[in-house]
Amino acid sequence: MPDISARKTQLEARLAELDSRVHTIEDRLDDPVSKDWAEQATEREDSEVLESMGAAGLREIEAIRAALARIDEGSYGECVRCGDLIAEKRLELVPHAPLCRTCAQG
């Protein structure tokens, strides 16, 4: 079983990093639009990329908050679907993983 305290610290650090990144993206998306048509096209493409990055960040934030809640409940490291333990290697790669390998593949 992983060192829960270290894992919690890791998750909280990632959460802070993502929160900062999402706020930066939101600020950039609020920037005024250029008056030049060619620039506007480029800005629209950039905005689409930023929106995609922001959405991915928000999904990861949600997953991390759920993992932190599982730590508080004492169920961290257990698959939320089948109840089996999630492999330590999987948690090292994806500390907020809610599912064991079998359930994630199914």
C-alpha atoms as a PDB file:
ATOM      1  CA  MET A   1       0.000   0.000   0.000  1.00  0.00           C
ATOM      2  CA  PRO A   2       1.329   3.459  -0.840  1.00  0.00           C
ATOM      3  CA  ASP A   3       2.428   6.013   1.721  1.00  0.00           C
ATOM      4  CA  ILE A   4      -0.913   7.817   1.941  1.00  0.00           C
ATOM      5  CA  SER A   5       0.585  10.992   3.393  1.00  0.00           C
ATOM      6  CA  ALA A   6       3.096  11.292   0.549  1.00  0.00           C
ATOM      7  CA  ARG A   7       0.410  10.493  -2.030  1.00  0.00           C
ATOM      8  CA  LYS A   8      -1.893  13.150  -0.536  1.00  0.00           C
ATOM      9  CA  THR A   9       0.910  15.720  -0.715  1.00  0.00           C
ATOM     10  CA  GLN A  10       1.568  14.736  -4.333  1.00  0.00           C
ATOM     11  CA  LEU A  11      -2.118  15.057  -5.243  1.00  0.00           C
ATOM     12  CA  GLU A  12      -2.470  18.412  -3.482  1.00  0.00           C
ATOM     13  CA  ALA A  13       0.593  19.773  -5.307  1.00  0.00           C
ATOM     14  CA  ARG A  14      -0.803  18.643  -8.666  1.00  0.00           C
ATOM     15  CA  LEU A  15      -4.173  20.157  -7.785  1.00  0.00           C
ATOM     16  CA  ALA A  16      -2.550  23.526  -7.031  1.00  0.00           C
ATOM     17  CA  GLU A  17      -0.583  23.378 -10.295  1.00  0.00           C
ATOM     18  CA  LEU A  18      -3.697  22.574 -12.336  1.00  0.00           C
ATOM     19  CA  ASP A  19      -5.750  25.232 -10.590  1.00  0.00           C
ATOM     20  CA  SER A  20      -3.145  27.845 -11.474  1.00  0.00           C
ATOM     21  CA  ARG A  21      -2.964  26.609 -15.071  1.00  0.00           C
ATOM     22  CA  VAL A  22      -6.747  26.654 -15.525  1.00  0.00           C
ATOM     23  CA  HIS A  23      -6.953  30.209 -14.168  1.00  0.00           C
ATOM     24  CA  THR A  24      -4.194  31.317 -16.547  1.00  0.00           C
ATOM     25  CA  ILE A  25      -6.069  29.742 -19.460  1.00  0.00           C
ATOM     26  CA  GLU A  26      -9.300  31.464 -18.418  1.00  0.00           C
ATOM     27  CA  ASP A  27      -7.472  34.801 -18.250  1.00  0.00           C
ATOM     28  CA  ARG A  28      -5.979  34.277 -21.734  1.00  0.00           C
ATOM     29  CA  LEU A  29      -9.396  33.403 -23.149  1.00  0.00           C
ATOM     30  CA  ASP A  30     -10.743  36.683 -21.751  1.00  0.00           C
ATOM     31  CA  ASP A  31      -8.107  38.726 -23.616  1.00  0.00           C
ATOM     32  CA  PRO A  32      -9.521  41.203 -26.163  1.00  0.00           C
ATOM     33  CA  VAL A  33      -9.807  40.035 -29.768  1.00  0.00           C
ATOM     34  CA  SER A  34      -7.634  41.613 -32.461  1.00  0.00           C
ATOM     35  CA  LYS A  35      -9.264  43.830 -35.095  1.00  0.00           C
ATOM     36  CA  ASP A  36      -7.227  42.180 -37.844  1.00  0.00           C
ATOM     37  CA  TRP A  37      -9.143  39.322 -39.547  1.00  0.00           C
ATOM     38  CA  ALA A  38      -6.060  37.179 -40.092  1.00  0.00           C
ATOM     39  CA  GLU A  39      -5.066  37.624 -36.448  1.00  0.00           C
ATOM     40  CA  GLN A  40      -8.601  36.726 -35.361  1.00  0.00           C
ATOM     41  CA  ALA A  41      -8.387  33.415 -37.229  1.00  0.00           C
ATOM     42  CA  THR A  42      -5.146  32.565 -35.464  1.00  0.00           C
ATOM     43  CA  GLU A  43      -6.576  33.668 -32.135  1.00  0.00           C
ATOM     44  CA  ARG A  44      -9.645  31.451 -32.672  1.00  0.00           C
ATOM     45  CA  GLU A  45      -7.414  28.441 -33.299  1.00  0.00           C
ATOM     46  CA  ASP A  46      -5.389  29.286 -30.198  1.00  0.00           C
ATOM     47  CA  SER A  47      -8.588  29.649 -28.191  1.00  0.00           C
ATOM     48  CA  GLU A  48      -9.773  26.200 -29.278  1.00  0.00           C
ATOM     49  CA  VAL A  49      -6.515  24.681 -28.074  1.00  0.00           C
ATOM     50  CA  LEU A  50      -6.701  26.599 -24.791  1.00  0.00           C
ATOM     51  CA  GLU A  51     -10.324  25.545 -24.252  1.00  0.00           C
ATOM     52  CA  SER A  52      -9.365  21.909 -24.811  1.00  0.00           C
ATOM     53  CA  MET A  53      -6.463  22.212 -22.370  1.00  0.00           C
ATOM     54  CA  GLY A  54      -8.722  23.908 -19.837  1.00  0.00           C
ATOM     55  CA  ALA A  55     -11.365  21.188 -20.121  1.00  0.00           C
ATOM     56  CA  ALA A  56      -8.728  18.476 -19.648  1.00  0.00           C
ATOM     57  CA  GLY A  57      -7.388  20.339 -16.626  1.00  0.00           C
ATOM     58  CA  LEU A  58     -10.855  20.585 -15.097  1.00  0.00           C
ATOM     59  CA  ARG A  59     -11.432  16.840 -15.598  1.00  0.00           C
ATOM     60  CA  GLU A  60      -8.131  16.068 -13.867  1.00  0.00           C
ATOM     61  CA  ILE A  61      -8.970  18.477 -11.028  1.00  0.00           C
ATOM     62  CA  GLU A  62     -12.255  16.622 -10.512  1.00  0.00           C
ATOM     63  CA  ALA A  63     -10.445  13.256 -10.485  1.00  0.00           C
ATOM     64  CA  ILE A  64      -7.860  14.519  -7.989  1.00  0.00           C
ATOM     65  CA  ARG A  65     -10.529  15.907  -5.673  1.00  0.00           C
ATOM     66  CA  ALA A  66     -12.281  12.534  -5.795  1.00  0.00           C
ATOM     67  CA  ALA A  67      -8.988  10.793  -4.925  1.00  0.00           C
ATOM     68  CA  LEU A  68      -8.445  13.181  -2.013  1.00  0.00           C
ATOM     69  CA  ALA A  69     -11.971  12.396  -0.807  1.00  0.00           C
ATOM     70  CA  ARG A  70     -11.140   8.655  -0.986  1.00  0.00           C
ATOM     71  CA  ILE A  71      -8.037   9.329   1.121  1.00  0.00           C
ATOM     72  CA  ASP A  72     -10.183  11.118   3.712  1.00  0.00           C
ATOM     73  CA  GLU A  73     -12.703   8.239   3.662  1.00  0.00           C
ATOM     74  CA  GLY A  74      -9.951   5.636   3.990  1.00  0.00           C
ATOM     75  CA  SER A  75     -10.745   3.929   0.690  1.00  0.00           C
ATOM     76  CA  TYR A  76      -7.856   5.281  -1.396  1.00  0.00           C
ATOM     77  CA  GLY A  77      -6.185   2.538  -3.395  1.00  0.00           C
ATOM     78  CA  GLU A  78      -9.355   0.475  -3.671  1.00  0.00           C
ATOM     79  CA  CYS A  79     -11.158   0.186  -7.001  1.00  0.00           C
ATOM     80  CA  VAL A  80     -14.415   2.141  -6.837  1.00  0.00           C
ATOM     81  CA  ARG A  81     -16.094  -0.441  -9.091  1.00  0.00           C
ATOM     82  CA  CYS A  82     -15.041  -3.861  -7.781  1.00  0.00           C
ATOM     83  CA  GLY A  83     -13.336  -3.048  -4.464  1.00  0.00           C
ATOM     84  CA  ASP A  84     -10.057  -4.802  -5.328  1.00  0.00           C
ATOM     85  CA  LEU A  85      -6.788  -3.062  -4.535  1.00  0.00           C
ATOM     86  CA  ILE A  86      -5.338  -0.907  -7.283  1.00  0.00           C
ATOM     87  CA  ALA A  87      -1.771  -1.939  -8.115  1.00  0.00           C
ATOM     88  CA  GLU A  88       0.916   0.289  -6.633  1.00  0.00           C
ATOM     89  CA  LYS A  89       2.525   0.726 -10.068  1.00  0.00           C
ATOM     90  CA  ARG A  90      -0.791   2.042 -11.423  1.00  0.00           C
ATOM     91  CA  LEU A  91      -1.093   4.513  -8.551  1.00  0.00           C
ATOM     92  CA  GLU A  92       2.482   5.646  -9.125  1.00  0.00           C
ATOM     93  CA  LEU A  93       1.618   6.455 -12.748  1.00  0.00           C
ATOM     94  CA  VAL A  94      -1.881   7.821 -12.124  1.00  0.00           C
ATOM     95  CA  PRO A  95      -2.188   8.739  -8.431  1.00  0.00           C
ATOM     96  CA  HIS A  96      -5.847   9.697  -8.852  1.00  0.00           C
ATOM     97  CA  ALA A  97      -6.812   6.412 -10.565  1.00  0.00           C
ATOM     98  CA  PRO A  98     -10.243   5.304  -9.318  1.00  0.00           C
ATOM     99  CA  LEU A  99     -10.231   1.909 -11.032  1.00  0.00           C
ATOM    100  CA  CYS A 100      -8.028  -1.173 -10.973  1.00  0.00           C
ATOM    101  CA  ARG A 101      -6.502  -2.243 -14.275  1.00  0.00           C
ATOM    102  CA  THR A 102      -9.172  -4.860 -14.947  1.00  0.00           C
ATOM    103  CA  CYS A 103     -12.093  -2.472 -14.445  1.00  0.00           C
ATOM    104  CA  ALA A 104     -10.345   0.318 -16.393  1.00  0.00           C
ATOM    105  CA  GLN A 105      -9.972  -2.001 -19.374  1.00  0.00           C
ATOM    106  CA  GLY A 106     -13.530  -3.284 -19.211  1.00  0.00           C
END
